Amino acid sequence: MAAFEYQAIDGRGKQQKGVLEADSARQVRQQLRDKGWTPLAVEQTAQKQKKDSLFERQPSLSVPELALITRQLATLIQAGLPIDESLRALSEQTGKQRIKAMILAIRAKVLEGYTLAKALAEYPKAFPHLYRSTVSAGEHAGHLDGVLNRLADYTEARQAADQKIKLAAMYPVILTIVAIGIVVGLLTYVVPDIVDVFVKNGQELPGLTQFMLDLSHFITAWGLYTLIAIVVGLIAFGRALKSPAFRSRYHHFLLQVPGLRGFVKDANTARFGSTLAILTTSGVPLVDAMRIASQVITNLPIQQSLTRATVTVSEGGSLNKALAETGYFPPIMLHMIASGENSGELDSMLARTAQQQETSLENTVSALVKIFEPVMLLVMGGIVATIVAAIMLPILELQKMVQ
């Protein structure tokens, strides 16, 4: 039995779309006719996926959708339902046709004899390598429900951490945009109107006032072009990042910037630690877990060093020494991993150190945001004070002349 996506006209003349399970497209058309509908198009989900892959339109899932599906599937399997029945129940709970079609296509693969991990591999953009490897380990170990619950916890924790960082970064970005808007407004509308009064009277302007007036004229004449140039530059920079060579140089540069270097290291090592913890806890061999976990690292130099560390561990080296050789992991994390290796509790120690790293990262982001606010206020105050001084200087000079 396979999943088919259909389009049909119902009895009221409205077009309907959906997904049905059947042995053939002909059977789906008959089901639609039995309902009094006129079938327009019926296509097997697997065939539609192959067509979409040619145009790079493979289905994907957002992080909240993936977490919800994983949690529901774990609950159903834990309740004793077979995997195929759990997938059917899961498809009936979702209201989104694309997700329903995907789940039913996965169910069809399972009914054909594929393992769940192999069936998920049909949708690599929806279920990443980390996810599929963890599911495969759970299937082999015979505790898929527990592994799925851990995967759901991991996905939700990853989403929560990313959300915190995004929300923390949003405030400085908004404050910066508002500050730039205020300064541009003052230079464009306020300064010229006031200074023009003194220019028309033939008064010689102080150097600071003349500079502000020239800056105002520049923004008025070239501001739009400057903005367009910045946007074009950002687009060009984004496209250049798609080149591995340029991206590697840029990521190496980030690791050299004081202040930013520590944040980049902490963010990537925390991600590696949490990913490695979920994999090893689920039963994935350490070398395979390291190979998969290194793929989620966004910084290329760190990723390359972890690839070399994976080779070292595969040749019999210890995990803590291999990670120490990269030079990116903090000493406390290395000590905890060494303790876990010596005591035989590496899984729990990895989970603990990953949690500690993520907490440290969140505290760093919070501290940076708290520091940014007063610094931004001081900068804004200095700029506004400079503009006010540029306006007041000719007034004070005129007052001296009158006296």
Protein backbone atom coordinates (compact mmCIF):
# COMPACT_ATOMS: atom_id res chain seq x y z
CA MET A 1 0.00 0.00 0.00
CA ALA A 2 1.34 3.43 -0.99
CA ALA A 3 0.42 7.06 -0.40
CA PHE A 4 -1.10 9.12 -3.22
CA GLU A 5 -1.67 12.85 -3.42
CA TYR A 6 -4.84 13.80 -5.26
CA GLN A 7 -6.70 16.79 -6.65
CA ALA A 8 -10.44 16.51 -7.23
CA ILE A 9 -13.68 18.47 -7.64
CA ASP A 10 -16.22 17.77 -4.92
CA GLY A 11 -20.01 17.70 -5.24
CA ARG A 12 -20.23 21.48 -4.71
CA GLY A 13 -17.75 22.22 -7.49
CA LYS A 14 -14.86 23.14 -5.19
CA GLN A 15 -11.34 21.85 -5.74
CA GLN A 16 -10.04 19.56 -3.01
CA LYS A 17 -6.51 18.31 -2.28
CA GLY A 18 -5.41 15.54 0.02
CA VAL A 19 -3.61 12.26 0.57
CA LEU A 20 -5.03 8.73 0.44
CA GLU A 21 -3.50 5.30 0.89
CA ALA A 22 -4.21 2.65 -1.72
CA ASP A 23 -2.61 -0.10 -3.77
CA SER A 24 -2.78 1.88 -7.00
CA ALA A 25 -3.74 5.25 -8.45
CA ARG A 26 -6.77 3.60 -10.04
CA GLN A 27 -8.03 2.56 -6.61
CA VAL A 28 -7.64 6.15 -5.37
CA ARG A 29 -9.68 7.45 -8.30
CA GLN A 30 -12.39 4.91 -7.51
CA GLN A 31 -12.43 6.00 -3.85
CA LEU A 32 -12.89 9.60 -4.98
CA ARG A 33 -15.71 8.66 -7.36
CA ASP A 34 -17.42 6.71 -4.56
CA LYS A 35 -17.49 9.98 -2.61
CA GLY A 36 -19.10 11.74 -5.57
CA TRP A 37 -15.90 13.63 -6.44
CA THR A 38 -14.34 14.03 -9.88
CA PRO A 39 -10.60 13.17 -9.79
CA LEU A 40 -8.33 15.63 -11.59
CA ALA A 41 -4.86 14.30 -10.73
CA VAL A 42 -3.56 11.38 -8.71
CA GLU A 43 0.16 10.90 -8.16
CA GLN A 44 2.13 8.62 -5.90
CA THR A 45 4.01 10.56 -3.21
CA ALA A 46 7.31 8.78 -3.88
CA GLN A 47 7.17 9.67 -7.59
CA LYS A 48 6.28 13.26 -6.78
CA GLN A 49 9.26 13.44 -4.42
CA LYS A 50 11.60 12.30 -7.22
CA LYS A 51 10.27 15.04 -9.49
CA ASP A 52 10.67 17.63 -6.74
CA SER A 53 14.25 16.51 -6.07
CA LEU A 54 15.16 17.31 -9.68
CA PHE A 55 14.20 20.92 -8.99
CA GLU A 56 15.67 20.85 -5.42
CA ARG A 57 12.25 21.17 -3.81
CA GLN A 58 12.52 18.31 -1.35
CA PRO A 59 10.09 18.48 1.58
CA SER A 60 11.44 19.83 4.84
CA LEU A 61 10.26 20.33 8.41
CA SER A 62 10.72 23.25 10.73
CA VAL A 63 12.31 22.58 14.13
CA PRO A 64 8.96 22.84 16.03
CA GLU A 65 7.30 20.48 13.51
CA LEU A 66 10.13 17.94 13.80
CA ALA A 67 10.03 18.08 17.61
CA LEU A 68 6.24 17.61 17.68
CA ILE A 69 6.29 14.69 15.23
CA THR A 70 9.11 13.01 17.15
CA ARG A 71 7.33 13.39 20.48
CA GLN A 72 4.03 12.06 19.14
CA LEU A 73 5.69 9.10 17.42
CA ALA A 74 7.58 8.23 20.61
CA THR A 75 4.33 8.32 22.61
CA LEU A 76 2.52 6.07 20.13
CA ILE A 77 5.36 3.51 19.99
CA GLN A 78 5.67 3.60 23.77
CA ALA A 79 1.95 2.79 23.97
CA GLY A 80 2.66 -0.50 22.16
CA LEU A 81 1.55 0.34 18.61
CA PRO A 82 3.59 -1.09 15.73
CA ILE A 83 5.62 1.45 13.76
CA ASP A 84 3.32 1.34 10.71
CA GLU A 85 0.20 1.88 12.83
CA SER A 86 1.96 4.65 14.76
CA LEU A 87 2.80 6.39 11.48
CA ARG A 88 -0.80 6.06 10.30
CA ALA A 89 -2.09 7.57 13.55
CA LEU A 90 0.53 10.30 13.29
CA SER A 91 -0.59 11.18 9.75
CA GLU A 92 -4.19 11.50 10.94
CA GLN A 93 -3.20 13.96 13.66
CA THR A 94 -1.55 16.48 11.35
CA GLY A 95 -3.60 18.99 9.43
CA LYS A 96 -0.88 19.90 6.91
CA GLN A 97 -1.10 17.96 3.67
CA ARG A 98 2.64 18.06 2.91
CA ILE A 99 3.47 16.53 6.30
CA LYS A 100 0.69 13.96 5.99
CA ALA A 101 1.94 12.94 2.53
CA MET A 102 5.48 12.63 3.86
CA ILE A 103 4.46 10.46 6.83
CA LEU A 104 2.30 8.17 4.69
CA ALA A 105 5.14 7.79 2.17
CA ILE A 106 7.44 6.80 5.05
CA ARG A 107 4.80 4.33 6.24
CA ALA A 108 4.62 2.81 2.76
CA LYS A 109 8.39 2.21 2.87
CA VAL A 110 8.09 0.59 6.31
CA LEU A 111 5.35 -1.72 4.99
CA GLU A 112 7.71 -2.71 2.16
CA GLY A 113 10.18 -3.96 4.77
CA TYR A 114 12.45 -0.95 5.20
CA THR A 115 13.61 0.05 8.66
CA LEU A 116 12.29 3.37 9.96
CA ALA A 117 15.74 4.98 9.59
CA LYS A 118 15.98 3.83 5.95
CA ALA A 119 12.47 5.12 5.27
CA LEU A 120 13.33 8.50 6.80
CA ALA A 121 16.34 8.69 4.46
CA GLU A 122 13.90 9.36 1.61
CA TYR A 123 13.49 12.84 3.10
CA PRO A 124 17.01 14.01 4.06
CA LYS A 125 16.03 17.67 4.35
CA ALA A 126 13.25 16.86 6.81
CA PHE A 127 15.20 14.28 8.83
CA PRO A 128 18.95 15.12 8.98
CA HIS A 129 21.77 12.59 9.22
CA LEU A 130 22.00 13.04 12.99
CA TYR A 131 18.30 12.22 13.38
CA ARG A 132 18.40 9.14 11.14
CA SER A 133 21.56 7.73 12.75
CA THR A 134 20.04 8.06 16.21
CA VAL A 135 16.83 6.34 15.09
CA SER A 136 18.88 3.55 13.49
CA ALA A 137 20.79 3.02 16.76
CA GLY A 138 17.49 2.88 18.66
CA GLU A 139 16.08 0.29 16.26
CA HIS A 140 19.14 -1.93 16.57
CA ALA A 141 19.17 -1.63 20.35
CA GLY A 142 15.43 -2.32 20.63
CA HIS A 143 14.47 0.84 22.53
CA LEU A 144 13.21 3.11 19.78
CA ASP A 145 10.64 4.86 21.99
CA GLY A 146 13.28 6.01 24.49
CA VAL A 147 15.58 7.18 21.70
CA LEU A 148 12.74 9.14 20.07
CA ASN A 149 11.95 10.80 23.40
CA ARG A 150 15.59 11.81 23.76
CA LEU A 151 15.57 13.09 20.19
CA ALA A 152 12.48 15.17 20.95
CA ASP A 153 14.15 16.56 24.09
CA TYR A 154 17.28 17.37 22.08
CA THR A 155 15.32 19.05 19.27
CA GLU A 156 13.25 21.11 21.69
CA ALA A 157 16.35 22.11 23.68
CA ARG A 158 18.16 23.07 20.48
CA GLN A 159 15.18 25.16 19.40
CA ALA A 160 14.93 26.85 22.82
CA ALA A 161 18.65 27.69 22.84
CA ASP A 162 18.58 29.09 19.30
CA GLN A 163 15.43 31.05 20.12
CA LYS A 164 17.05 32.61 23.18
CA ILE A 165 20.07 33.71 21.16
CA LYS A 166 17.89 35.13 18.37
CA LEU A 167 15.68 37.04 20.83
CA ALA A 168 18.74 38.34 22.65
CA ALA A 169 20.28 39.53 19.37
CA MET A 170 17.01 41.08 18.18
CA TYR A 171 17.02 43.86 20.79
CA PRO A 172 20.49 45.25 19.90
CA VAL A 173 19.63 45.10 16.19
CA ILE A 174 16.37 47.02 16.68
CA LEU A 175 18.08 49.55 18.96
CA THR A 176 20.84 50.09 16.38
CA ILE A 177 18.35 50.61 13.53
CA VAL A 178 16.32 53.08 15.61
CA ALA A 179 19.49 54.95 16.62
CA ILE A 180 20.68 55.22 13.01
CA GLY A 181 17.20 56.41 11.97
CA ILE A 182 17.20 59.14 14.63
CA VAL A 183 20.67 60.38 13.66
CA VAL A 184 19.81 60.40 9.94
CA GLY A 185 16.56 62.26 10.71
CA LEU A 186 18.39 64.91 12.74
CA LEU A 187 21.07 65.38 10.07
CA THR A 188 18.59 65.41 7.19
CA TYR A 189 15.79 67.61 8.53
CA VAL A 190 16.83 69.41 11.72
CA VAL A 191 20.42 70.50 11.08
CA PRO A 192 19.91 72.02 7.57
CA ASP A 193 16.84 74.07 8.59
CA ILE A 194 18.57 75.61 11.60
CA VAL A 195 22.00 76.14 10.03
CA ASP A 196 20.50 77.70 6.85
CA VAL A 197 19.37 80.65 8.98
CA PHE A 198 23.00 81.51 9.78
CA VAL A 199 24.18 80.83 6.23
CA LYS A 200 21.61 83.27 4.80
CA ASN A 201 22.77 85.95 7.25
CA GLY A 202 26.31 85.56 5.92
CA GLN A 203 27.67 84.27 9.22
CA GLU A 204 30.80 82.14 9.02
CA LEU A 205 30.12 78.66 10.39
CA PRO A 206 32.36 76.93 12.95
CA GLY A 207 34.26 73.86 11.74
CA LEU A 208 32.04 71.35 13.58
CA THR A 209 28.86 72.96 12.23
CA GLN A 210 30.23 73.02 8.68
CA PHE A 211 31.17 69.35 8.99
CA MET A 212 27.65 68.44 10.13
CA LEU A 213 26.16 70.49 7.28
CA ASP A 214 28.39 68.74 4.72
CA LEU A 215 27.43 65.38 6.21
CA SER A 216 23.77 66.36 5.97
CA HIS A 217 24.15 67.29 2.31
CA PHE A 218 25.95 64.00 1.63
CA ILE A 219 23.15 61.96 3.24
CA THR A 220 20.51 63.90 1.29
CA ALA A 221 22.31 63.51 -2.04
CA TRP A 222 23.90 60.08 -1.69
CA GLY A 223 22.07 58.39 1.21
CA LEU A 224 19.82 56.25 -0.99
CA TYR A 225 22.72 55.19 -3.19
CA THR A 226 24.78 54.36 -0.11
CA LEU A 227 21.94 52.21 1.24
CA ILE A 228 21.64 50.39 -2.09
CA ALA A 229 25.41 49.83 -2.15
CA ILE A 230 25.26 48.34 1.37
CA VAL A 231 22.41 46.00 0.41
CA VAL A 232 24.24 44.91 -2.76
CA GLY A 233 27.41 44.37 -0.73
CA LEU A 234 25.54 42.18 1.78
CA ILE A 235 24.00 40.12 -1.04
CA ALA A 236 27.41 39.70 -2.67
CA PHE A 237 28.92 38.72 0.68
CA GLY A 238 26.17 36.12 1.21
CA ARG A 239 26.83 34.61 -2.21
CA ALA A 240 30.58 34.61 -1.61
CA LEU A 241 30.00 32.60 1.59
CA LYS A 242 28.71 29.76 -0.59
CA SER A 243 32.28 29.28 -1.80
CA PRO A 244 34.08 26.85 0.57
CA ALA A 245 37.41 28.68 0.18
CA PHE A 246 35.97 32.11 1.01
CA ARG A 247 33.82 30.70 3.83
CA SER A 248 36.86 28.98 5.35
CA ARG A 249 38.85 32.26 5.30
CA TYR A 250 35.94 34.17 6.81
CA HIS A 251 35.43 31.58 9.57
CA HIS A 252 39.16 31.64 10.31
CA PHE A 253 38.96 35.44 10.56
CA LEU A 254 36.12 35.16 13.10
CA LEU A 255 38.37 33.01 15.27
CA GLN A 256 40.98 35.79 15.30
CA VAL A 257 38.67 38.66 16.34
CA PRO A 258 39.09 39.48 20.05
CA GLY A 259 35.84 39.15 21.96
CA LEU A 260 34.07 37.34 19.11
CA ARG A 261 36.58 34.48 19.11
CA GLY A 262 35.44 33.13 22.49
CA PHE A 263 31.77 33.31 21.54
CA VAL A 264 32.34 31.37 18.28
CA LYS A 265 34.32 28.69 20.11
CA ASP A 266 31.73 28.32 22.88
CA ALA A 267 28.81 28.15 20.44
CA ASN A 268 30.40 25.44 18.30
CA THR A 269 31.81 23.33 21.14
CA ALA A 270 28.45 23.45 22.95
CA ARG A 271 26.68 22.27 19.79
CA PHE A 272 29.24 19.49 19.29
CA GLY A 273 28.99 18.36 22.92
CA SER A 274 25.19 18.21 22.99
CA THR A 275 25.04 16.38 19.65
CA LEU A 276 27.71 13.89 20.69
CA ALA A 277 25.86 13.29 23.96
CA ILE A 278 22.52 12.42 22.31
CA LEU A 279 24.25 10.10 19.83
CA THR A 280 26.38 8.16 22.32
CA THR A 281 23.51 7.93 24.81
CA SER A 282 21.34 6.44 22.06
CA GLY A 283 23.90 3.73 21.34
CA VAL A 284 25.78 5.15 18.35
CA PRO A 285 29.48 4.11 18.42
CA LEU A 286 31.79 6.91 19.54
CA VAL A 287 33.70 7.27 16.24
CA ASP A 288 30.48 7.36 14.20
CA ALA A 289 28.98 9.79 16.71
CA MET A 290 31.99 12.11 16.39
CA ARG A 291 31.80 11.95 12.59
CA ILE A 292 28.11 12.89 12.62
CA ALA A 293 28.46 15.51 15.37
CA SER A 294 31.28 17.27 13.52
CA GLN A 295 28.93 17.81 10.58
CA VAL A 296 26.63 20.06 12.65
CA ILE A 297 29.53 22.46 13.38
CA THR A 298 29.09 25.68 11.41
CA ASN A 299 32.68 26.98 11.69
CA LEU A 300 34.86 25.26 9.06
CA PRO A 301 38.26 25.42 10.87
CA ILE A 302 36.68 23.88 13.99
CA GLN A 303 34.89 21.28 11.86
CA GLN A 304 38.16 20.33 10.13
CA SER A 305 39.98 20.00 13.45
CA LEU A 306 37.19 17.73 14.75
CA THR A 307 37.51 15.59 11.63
CA ARG A 308 41.18 15.09 12.49
CA ALA A 309 40.21 14.33 16.10
CA THR A 310 37.79 11.66 14.84
CA VAL A 311 40.64 10.00 12.94
CA THR A 312 42.77 10.07 16.11
CA VAL A 313 40.02 8.38 18.16
CA SER A 314 39.44 5.78 15.42
CA GLU A 315 43.14 4.90 15.65
CA GLY A 316 42.84 4.22 19.39
CA GLY A 317 43.43 7.64 20.92
CA SER A 318 41.38 8.93 23.86
CA LEU A 319 38.57 11.38 23.27
CA ASN A 320 39.78 14.07 25.69
CA LYS A 321 43.31 14.11 24.22
CA ALA A 322 41.99 14.23 20.67
CA LEU A 323 39.74 17.19 21.53
CA ALA A 324 42.55 18.90 23.49
CA GLU A 325 44.73 18.83 20.37
CA THR A 326 42.17 20.93 18.48
CA GLY A 327 42.76 23.85 20.87
CA TYR A 328 39.09 24.89 20.79
CA PHE A 329 37.60 23.12 23.80
CA PRO A 330 37.70 24.70 27.30
CA PRO A 331 39.78 22.91 29.97
CA ILE A 332 36.81 22.14 32.24
CA MET A 333 35.02 20.35 29.40
CA LEU A 334 38.15 18.30 28.66
CA HIS A 335 38.59 17.39 32.34
CA MET A 336 34.97 16.22 32.61
CA ILE A 337 35.32 14.11 29.45
CA ALA A 338 38.55 12.58 30.79
CA SER A 339 36.79 11.79 34.06
CA GLY A 340 33.94 10.14 32.13
CA GLU A 341 36.38 8.01 30.12
CA ASN A 342 38.24 6.88 33.25
CA SER A 343 35.07 6.04 35.18
CA GLY A 344 33.25 4.42 32.25
CA GLU A 345 30.47 7.01 32.39
CA LEU A 346 31.32 8.96 29.25
CA ASP A 347 27.68 9.23 28.12
CA SER A 348 26.44 10.94 31.27
CA MET A 349 29.55 13.11 31.51
CA LEU A 350 29.11 14.27 27.90
CA ALA A 351 25.49 15.20 28.61
CA ARG A 352 26.52 17.10 31.75
CA THR A 353 29.35 19.03 30.10
CA ALA A 354 27.11 19.84 27.10
CA GLN A 355 24.51 21.30 29.44
CA GLN A 356 27.19 23.30 31.22
CA GLN A 357 28.53 24.66 27.92
CA GLU A 358 25.06 25.69 26.72
CA THR A 359 24.34 27.42 30.04
CA SER A 360 27.67 29.25 29.80
CA LEU A 361 26.84 30.31 26.24
CA GLU A 362 23.43 31.66 27.27
CA ASN A 363 25.04 33.60 30.12
CA THR A 364 27.61 35.06 27.69
CA VAL A 365 24.87 36.21 25.31
CA SER A 366 22.88 37.76 28.19
CA ALA A 367 25.99 39.57 29.44
CA LEU A 368 26.78 40.92 25.95
CA VAL A 369 23.22 42.22 25.58
CA LYS A 370 23.35 43.89 29.00
CA ILE A 371 26.66 45.54 28.12
CA PHE A 372 25.46 46.61 24.68
CA GLU A 373 22.53 48.66 26.00
CA PRO A 374 24.49 51.20 28.09
CA VAL A 375 27.26 51.36 25.47
CA MET A 376 24.72 52.09 22.74
CA LEU A 377 23.06 54.74 24.89
CA LEU A 378 26.43 56.40 25.52
CA VAL A 379 27.25 56.36 21.80
CA MET A 380 23.83 57.76 20.93
CA GLY A 381 24.18 60.41 23.62
CA GLY A 382 27.59 61.39 22.28
CA ILE A 383 26.30 61.69 18.69
CA VAL A 384 23.25 63.72 19.69
CA ALA A 385 25.41 65.93 21.92
CA THR A 386 27.75 66.54 18.98
CA ILE A 387 24.81 67.51 16.74
CA VAL A 388 23.43 69.85 19.42
CA ALA A 389 26.89 71.40 19.86
CA ALA A 390 27.14 71.93 16.09
CA ILE A 391 23.81 73.79 16.19
CA MET A 392 24.60 75.79 19.33
CA LEU A 393 28.08 76.98 18.30
CA PRO A 394 26.90 79.53 15.67
CA ILE A 395 24.20 80.73 18.10
CA LEU A 396 26.82 81.36 20.80
CA GLU A 397 29.11 83.13 18.34
CA LEU A 398 26.24 85.33 17.16
CA GLN A 399 25.45 86.19 20.78
CA LYS A 400 29.07 87.24 21.35
CA MET A 401 28.96 89.46 18.26
CA VAL A 402 25.79 91.18 19.49
CA GLN A 403 27.36 91.85 22.86
